[in-house]
N, C-alpha and C. Protein backbone atom coordinates (compact mmCIF):
# COMPACT_ATOMS: atom_id res chain seq x y z
N MET A 1 -8.93 6.47 4.08
CA MET A 1 -8.03 7.50 3.60
C MET A 1 -6.74 7.40 4.37
N GLU A 2 -5.64 7.66 3.70
CA GLU A 2 -4.34 7.56 4.33
C GLU A 2 -3.69 8.92 4.34
N GLN A 3 -3.05 9.26 5.42
CA GLN A 3 -2.36 10.52 5.50
C GLN A 3 -1.03 10.27 6.20
N CYS A 4 0.06 10.50 5.50
CA CYS A 4 1.40 10.30 6.04
C CYS A 4 1.58 8.91 6.63
N GLY A 5 1.04 7.89 5.95
CA GLY A 5 1.23 6.51 6.38
C GLY A 5 0.34 6.04 7.50
N GLU A 6 -0.55 6.89 8.01
CA GLU A 6 -1.44 6.48 9.08
C GLU A 6 -2.87 6.46 8.56
N VAL A 7 -3.67 5.51 9.05
CA VAL A 7 -5.07 5.47 8.66
C VAL A 7 -5.77 6.64 9.33
N MET A 8 -6.50 7.39 8.52
CA MET A 8 -7.15 8.59 9.01
C MET A 8 -8.53 8.27 9.58
N ASP A 9 -8.83 8.78 10.74
CA ASP A 9 -10.15 8.63 11.35
C ASP A 9 -11.12 9.53 10.60
N GLN A 10 -12.32 9.02 10.31
CA GLN A 10 -13.28 9.80 9.55
C GLN A 10 -13.68 11.08 10.27
N ASN A 11 -13.50 11.12 11.57
CA ASN A 11 -13.84 12.33 12.32
C ASN A 11 -12.67 13.30 12.40
N ALA A 12 -11.52 12.95 11.80
CA ALA A 12 -10.33 13.79 11.89
C ALA A 12 -10.49 15.09 11.12
N MET A 13 -11.33 15.12 10.10
CA MET A 13 -11.55 16.34 9.35
C MET A 13 -12.59 17.18 10.08
N THR A 14 -12.14 18.09 10.91
CA THR A 14 -13.07 18.93 11.64
C THR A 14 -13.47 20.14 10.80
N GLU A 15 -12.61 20.53 9.89
CA GLU A 15 -12.90 21.61 8.96
C GLU A 15 -13.81 21.08 7.87
N PRO A 16 -14.68 21.91 7.31
CA PRO A 16 -15.48 21.44 6.17
C PRO A 16 -14.56 21.00 5.02
N ILE A 17 -14.98 19.96 4.31
CA ILE A 17 -14.14 19.47 3.22
C ILE A 17 -14.57 20.09 1.89
N ARG A 18 -13.66 19.99 0.94
CA ARG A 18 -13.88 20.52 -0.40
C ARG A 18 -13.43 19.48 -1.42
N LEU A 19 -13.99 19.57 -2.59
CA LEU A 19 -13.53 18.80 -3.74
C LEU A 19 -12.88 19.77 -4.70
N LEU A 20 -11.69 19.44 -5.14
CA LEU A 20 -11.02 20.20 -6.17
C LEU A 20 -11.10 19.36 -7.43
N LEU A 21 -11.72 19.87 -8.46
CA LEU A 21 -11.86 19.16 -9.73
C LEU A 21 -10.96 19.82 -10.75
N ILE A 22 -10.15 19.00 -11.41
CA ILE A 22 -9.24 19.49 -12.44
C ILE A 22 -9.63 18.82 -13.75
N PHE A 23 -9.93 19.62 -14.76
CA PHE A 23 -10.34 19.11 -16.07
C PHE A 23 -9.21 19.33 -17.07
N ILE A 24 -8.66 18.23 -17.57
CA ILE A 24 -7.57 18.27 -18.54
C ILE A 24 -7.86 17.22 -19.62
N ASN A 25 -6.90 17.00 -20.50
CA ASN A 25 -7.01 15.94 -21.51
C ASN A 25 -6.00 14.84 -21.21
N GLU A 26 -6.30 13.64 -21.66
CA GLU A 26 -5.41 12.51 -21.42
C GLU A 26 -4.01 12.75 -22.01
N SER A 27 -3.92 13.47 -23.10
CA SER A 27 -2.62 13.69 -23.75
C SER A 27 -1.78 14.76 -23.08
N ASP A 28 -2.32 15.49 -22.10
CA ASP A 28 -1.55 16.53 -21.41
C ASP A 28 -0.40 15.89 -20.64
N LEU A 29 0.77 16.48 -20.81
CA LEU A 29 1.98 15.93 -20.20
C LEU A 29 2.64 16.94 -19.28
N TRP A 30 3.37 16.43 -18.31
CA TRP A 30 4.31 17.22 -17.52
C TRP A 30 5.66 16.58 -17.77
N ARG A 31 6.50 17.29 -18.48
CA ARG A 31 7.73 16.71 -19.01
C ARG A 31 7.33 15.53 -19.90
N ASP A 32 7.70 14.31 -19.60
CA ASP A 32 7.31 13.18 -20.46
C ASP A 32 6.29 12.26 -19.81
N GLU A 33 5.69 12.69 -18.69
CA GLU A 33 4.73 11.84 -17.97
C GLU A 33 3.32 12.37 -18.13
N PRO A 34 2.32 11.46 -18.13
CA PRO A 34 0.94 11.94 -18.15
C PRO A 34 0.68 12.87 -16.97
N LEU A 35 0.10 14.03 -17.25
CA LEU A 35 -0.15 15.04 -16.22
C LEU A 35 -1.02 14.50 -15.09
N TYR A 36 -2.03 13.69 -15.42
CA TYR A 36 -2.92 13.19 -14.37
C TYR A 36 -2.16 12.30 -13.39
N GLU A 37 -1.17 11.52 -13.88
CA GLU A 37 -0.36 10.69 -12.98
C GLU A 37 0.51 11.55 -12.08
N VAL A 38 1.10 12.59 -12.65
CA VAL A 38 1.97 13.49 -11.89
C VAL A 38 1.18 14.16 -10.76
N ILE A 39 -0.02 14.64 -11.08
CA ILE A 39 -0.82 15.34 -10.08
C ILE A 39 -1.25 14.39 -8.96
N VAL A 40 -1.77 13.22 -9.31
CA VAL A 40 -2.21 12.27 -8.28
C VAL A 40 -1.04 11.85 -7.39
N ARG A 41 0.09 11.53 -8.00
CA ARG A 41 1.27 11.13 -7.22
C ARG A 41 1.72 12.27 -6.30
N ARG A 42 1.73 13.50 -6.81
CA ARG A 42 2.19 14.63 -6.01
C ARG A 42 1.24 14.90 -4.83
N MET A 43 -0.04 14.73 -5.06
CA MET A 43 -1.00 14.93 -3.96
C MET A 43 -0.76 13.91 -2.85
N ARG A 44 -0.44 12.69 -3.24
CA ARG A 44 -0.13 11.66 -2.23
C ARG A 44 1.14 12.04 -1.46
N GLU A 45 2.16 12.49 -2.18
CA GLU A 45 3.41 12.91 -1.53
C GLU A 45 3.18 14.05 -0.54
N LEU A 46 2.23 14.92 -0.86
CA LEU A 46 1.94 16.07 0.00
C LEU A 46 0.98 15.74 1.14
N GLY A 47 0.52 14.48 1.22
CA GLY A 47 -0.34 14.07 2.31
C GLY A 47 -1.80 14.47 2.17
N ILE A 48 -2.22 14.78 0.95
CA ILE A 48 -3.62 15.11 0.71
C ILE A 48 -4.46 13.87 0.95
N SER A 49 -5.68 14.03 1.44
CA SER A 49 -6.52 12.89 1.84
C SER A 49 -6.87 11.94 0.71
N GLY A 50 -7.11 12.45 -0.49
CA GLY A 50 -7.45 11.55 -1.59
C GLY A 50 -7.43 12.25 -2.93
N ALA A 51 -7.10 11.49 -3.97
CA ALA A 51 -7.11 12.01 -5.34
C ALA A 51 -7.37 10.85 -6.28
N THR A 52 -8.22 11.07 -7.27
CA THR A 52 -8.56 10.05 -8.26
C THR A 52 -8.63 10.71 -9.62
N ALA A 53 -8.06 10.05 -10.63
CA ALA A 53 -8.18 10.52 -12.02
C ALA A 53 -9.15 9.60 -12.75
N GLN A 54 -10.11 10.21 -13.45
CA GLN A 54 -11.09 9.45 -14.22
C GLN A 54 -11.04 9.90 -15.68
N LYS A 55 -11.08 8.92 -16.58
CA LYS A 55 -11.13 9.23 -18.01
C LYS A 55 -12.59 9.41 -18.41
N GLY A 56 -12.86 10.48 -19.14
CA GLY A 56 -14.21 10.76 -19.60
C GLY A 56 -14.48 10.14 -20.96
N LEU A 57 -15.74 10.02 -21.30
CA LEU A 57 -16.13 9.47 -22.59
C LEU A 57 -16.04 10.52 -23.69
N ALA A 58 -16.44 11.74 -23.39
CA ALA A 58 -16.39 12.83 -24.35
C ALA A 58 -16.53 14.13 -23.58
N GLY A 59 -16.12 15.23 -24.18
CA GLY A 59 -16.26 16.52 -23.52
C GLY A 59 -15.72 17.63 -24.38
N PHE A 60 -15.98 18.87 -23.96
CA PHE A 60 -15.40 20.02 -24.62
C PHE A 60 -15.19 21.10 -23.59
N GLY A 61 -14.33 22.05 -23.94
CA GLY A 61 -14.01 23.12 -23.01
C GLY A 61 -13.94 24.44 -23.73
N ALA A 62 -13.04 25.31 -23.29
CA ALA A 62 -12.94 26.67 -23.81
C ALA A 62 -12.69 26.72 -25.32
N HIS A 63 -11.98 25.73 -25.85
CA HIS A 63 -11.68 25.72 -27.28
C HIS A 63 -12.85 25.21 -28.12
N LEU A 64 -13.88 24.70 -27.46
CA LEU A 64 -15.06 24.14 -28.12
C LEU A 64 -14.71 22.97 -29.03
N VAL A 65 -13.57 22.35 -28.78
CA VAL A 65 -13.19 21.15 -29.52
C VAL A 65 -13.68 19.97 -28.72
N VAL A 66 -14.52 19.17 -29.33
CA VAL A 66 -15.08 18.00 -28.65
C VAL A 66 -14.06 16.88 -28.73
N SER A 67 -13.77 16.28 -27.59
CA SER A 67 -12.86 15.13 -27.59
C SER A 67 -13.64 13.90 -27.19
N GLY A 68 -13.37 12.83 -27.86
CA GLY A 68 -14.06 11.57 -27.59
C GLY A 68 -14.08 10.73 -28.85
N ARG A 69 -14.11 9.44 -28.67
CA ARG A 69 -14.02 8.49 -29.78
C ARG A 69 -15.09 8.71 -30.84
N SER A 70 -16.31 9.04 -30.44
CA SER A 70 -17.38 9.14 -31.42
C SER A 70 -17.33 10.44 -32.23
N PHE A 71 -16.52 11.40 -31.82
CA PHE A 71 -16.49 12.68 -32.51
C PHE A 71 -15.33 12.82 -33.48
N PHE A 72 -14.18 12.29 -33.13
CA PHE A 72 -12.99 12.47 -33.95
C PHE A 72 -12.18 11.19 -34.00
N THR A 73 -11.38 11.07 -35.03
CA THR A 73 -10.50 9.91 -35.11
C THR A 73 -9.31 10.07 -34.16
N ASP A 74 -8.90 11.31 -33.90
CA ASP A 74 -7.82 11.56 -32.94
C ASP A 74 -8.43 11.51 -31.54
N TYR A 75 -8.32 10.35 -30.93
CA TYR A 75 -8.96 10.13 -29.63
C TYR A 75 -8.11 10.71 -28.53
N ASN A 76 -8.59 11.77 -27.90
CA ASN A 76 -7.91 12.43 -26.79
C ASN A 76 -8.95 12.71 -25.71
N PRO A 77 -9.30 11.67 -24.94
CA PRO A 77 -10.40 11.84 -24.00
C PRO A 77 -10.10 12.83 -22.88
N PRO A 78 -11.16 13.45 -22.36
CA PRO A 78 -10.99 14.33 -21.21
C PRO A 78 -10.67 13.49 -19.97
N VAL A 79 -9.96 14.10 -19.04
CA VAL A 79 -9.65 13.47 -17.76
C VAL A 79 -10.04 14.45 -16.66
N THR A 80 -10.74 13.95 -15.65
CA THR A 80 -11.07 14.75 -14.49
C THR A 80 -10.33 14.18 -13.29
N ILE A 81 -9.61 15.03 -12.59
CA ILE A 81 -8.93 14.63 -11.37
C ILE A 81 -9.74 15.21 -10.21
N THR A 82 -10.17 14.35 -9.30
CA THR A 82 -10.93 14.77 -8.13
C THR A 82 -10.02 14.65 -6.92
N ILE A 83 -9.87 15.75 -6.21
CA ILE A 83 -9.01 15.78 -5.02
C ILE A 83 -9.89 16.21 -3.84
N VAL A 84 -9.76 15.49 -2.73
CA VAL A 84 -10.58 15.79 -1.56
C VAL A 84 -9.71 16.06 -0.34
N ASP A 85 -10.02 17.13 0.36
CA ASP A 85 -9.36 17.46 1.63
C ASP A 85 -10.05 18.70 2.17
N THR A 86 -9.48 19.27 3.23
CA THR A 86 -10.05 20.51 3.78
C THR A 86 -9.71 21.66 2.84
N GLU A 87 -10.50 22.71 2.93
CA GLU A 87 -10.25 23.87 2.07
C GLU A 87 -8.86 24.45 2.30
N SER A 88 -8.43 24.54 3.55
CA SER A 88 -7.12 25.14 3.83
C SER A 88 -5.99 24.31 3.22
N ARG A 89 -6.10 22.98 3.29
CA ARG A 89 -5.05 22.13 2.70
C ARG A 89 -5.05 22.23 1.18
N LEU A 90 -6.25 22.27 0.58
CA LEU A 90 -6.32 22.39 -0.87
C LEU A 90 -5.78 23.74 -1.34
N ARG A 91 -6.10 24.78 -0.61
CA ARG A 91 -5.57 26.10 -0.99
C ARG A 91 -4.05 26.15 -0.82
N ALA A 92 -3.53 25.40 0.15
CA ALA A 92 -2.07 25.37 0.36
C ALA A 92 -1.35 24.69 -0.80
N VAL A 93 -1.96 23.67 -1.41
CA VAL A 93 -1.31 22.97 -2.53
C VAL A 93 -1.68 23.56 -3.89
N PHE A 94 -2.65 24.48 -3.91
CA PHE A 94 -3.11 25.02 -5.18
C PHE A 94 -2.01 25.68 -6.02
N PRO A 95 -1.08 26.44 -5.44
CA PRO A 95 -0.02 27.01 -6.28
C PRO A 95 0.76 25.95 -7.07
N GLU A 96 0.98 24.80 -6.46
CA GLU A 96 1.68 23.73 -7.17
C GLU A 96 0.80 23.17 -8.29
N ILE A 97 -0.48 22.98 -8.02
CA ILE A 97 -1.40 22.50 -9.05
C ILE A 97 -1.45 23.50 -10.20
N ARG A 98 -1.52 24.77 -9.87
CA ARG A 98 -1.58 25.81 -10.90
C ARG A 98 -0.33 25.78 -11.79
N SER A 99 0.82 25.50 -11.20
CA SER A 99 2.05 25.45 -12.00
C SER A 99 2.08 24.22 -12.91
N LEU A 100 1.38 23.15 -12.54
CA LEU A 100 1.35 21.93 -13.34
C LEU A 100 0.33 21.99 -14.47
N VAL A 101 -0.82 22.61 -14.21
CA VAL A 101 -1.92 22.65 -15.17
C VAL A 101 -1.75 23.89 -16.04
N ARG A 102 -1.19 23.69 -17.22
CA ARG A 102 -0.94 24.81 -18.12
C ARG A 102 -2.18 25.15 -18.94
N GLU A 103 -3.02 24.14 -19.19
CA GLU A 103 -4.26 24.36 -19.91
C GLU A 103 -5.31 23.44 -19.31
N GLY A 104 -6.39 24.00 -18.85
CA GLY A 104 -7.43 23.21 -18.23
C GLY A 104 -8.30 24.08 -17.35
N LEU A 105 -9.14 23.45 -16.58
CA LEU A 105 -10.07 24.14 -15.69
C LEU A 105 -9.93 23.52 -14.31
N VAL A 106 -9.90 24.38 -13.28
CA VAL A 106 -9.83 23.91 -11.90
C VAL A 106 -10.99 24.55 -11.14
N VAL A 107 -11.78 23.71 -10.45
CA VAL A 107 -12.96 24.18 -9.73
C VAL A 107 -12.91 23.61 -8.31
N MET A 108 -13.25 24.45 -7.31
CA MET A 108 -13.36 23.96 -5.94
C MET A 108 -14.82 24.00 -5.52
N LEU A 109 -15.30 22.87 -4.99
CA LEU A 109 -16.70 22.74 -4.60
C LEU A 109 -16.80 22.31 -3.13
N PRO A 110 -17.84 22.79 -2.43
CA PRO A 110 -18.06 22.29 -1.07
C PRO A 110 -18.53 20.84 -1.12
N ALA A 111 -18.19 20.09 -0.11
CA ALA A 111 -18.61 18.68 -0.04
C ALA A 111 -18.91 18.33 1.41
N GLU A 112 -19.63 17.25 1.59
CA GLU A 112 -19.96 16.77 2.93
C GLU A 112 -19.44 15.34 3.07
N LEU A 113 -18.64 15.10 4.08
CA LEU A 113 -18.15 13.76 4.36
C LEU A 113 -19.26 13.00 5.08
N VAL A 114 -19.81 11.98 4.41
CA VAL A 114 -20.92 11.24 5.01
C VAL A 114 -20.51 9.85 5.47
N HIS A 115 -19.43 9.30 4.92
CA HIS A 115 -18.99 7.98 5.35
C HIS A 115 -17.58 7.71 4.81
N VAL A 116 -16.76 7.09 5.63
CA VAL A 116 -15.44 6.62 5.20
C VAL A 116 -15.28 5.22 5.74
N SER A 117 -14.88 4.31 4.90
CA SER A 117 -14.62 2.94 5.31
C SER A 117 -13.23 2.57 4.82
N VAL A 118 -12.34 2.24 5.74
CA VAL A 118 -10.95 1.95 5.40
C VAL A 118 -10.60 0.55 5.86
N ARG A 119 -10.08 -0.27 4.94
CA ARG A 119 -9.64 -1.61 5.28
C ARG A 119 -8.30 -1.52 6.01
N PRO A 120 -8.13 -2.21 7.13
CA PRO A 120 -6.85 -2.17 7.85
C PRO A 120 -5.73 -2.70 6.95
N THR A 121 -4.55 -2.11 7.11
CA THR A 121 -3.39 -2.55 6.35
C THR A 121 -2.28 -3.01 7.29
N SER A 122 -1.43 -3.85 6.75
CA SER A 122 -0.27 -4.32 7.51
C SER A 122 0.83 -3.27 7.42
N PRO A 123 1.90 -3.40 8.21
CA PRO A 123 2.98 -2.42 8.17
C PRO A 123 3.62 -2.27 6.79
N ASP A 124 3.56 -3.31 5.94
CA ASP A 124 4.16 -3.20 4.61
C ASP A 124 3.20 -2.59 3.60
N GLY A 125 2.00 -2.17 4.04
CA GLY A 125 1.04 -1.52 3.17
C GLY A 125 0.05 -2.45 2.51
N GLY A 126 0.19 -3.75 2.67
CA GLY A 126 -0.75 -4.71 2.10
C GLY A 126 -1.93 -4.95 3.00
N PRO A 127 -2.90 -5.77 2.56
CA PRO A 127 -4.06 -6.06 3.40
C PRO A 127 -3.64 -6.75 4.69
N ALA A 128 -4.33 -6.41 5.76
CA ALA A 128 -4.01 -7.01 7.07
C ALA A 128 -4.61 -8.37 7.19
C-alpha cells in the first residue's frame, strides 16, 4: 500500500481498519468521466490506503431493476468500489464521497488486516 508516495508498513495501521463499499452502475458519471474512475483517483489523491473498482456480472438495488447482460439488452453492469483505510480516515473523506455518489449505496464494514505484501519501487514509481 502506498500513502503519500511512501511504502506503508503493514503495522502502520494501529487503528482497526474498515472497508467502505460503494455500489453504483458503470454508466454513472461525474461530469463527463466514469464515476468509479473519479472516486478511485480522488481516494489516491487524498492518501487513502487503497481503492479498487470491480465490475459486477449482474445485480439490482433499490429500483429493483436488474442490470447485467443476461437480463437486458441495455448492458449497464453494477460496479463496486472497495476502499480500505482506518475508520477515522474513511469518515474524514466520506463527505466528499457522498457529494460524488448521487445514486447508489455506501456501506462501511469492519475488516482485519492479515497480510500486506508490497513490491519495492524505484524513485520514478516503477519496479525496483
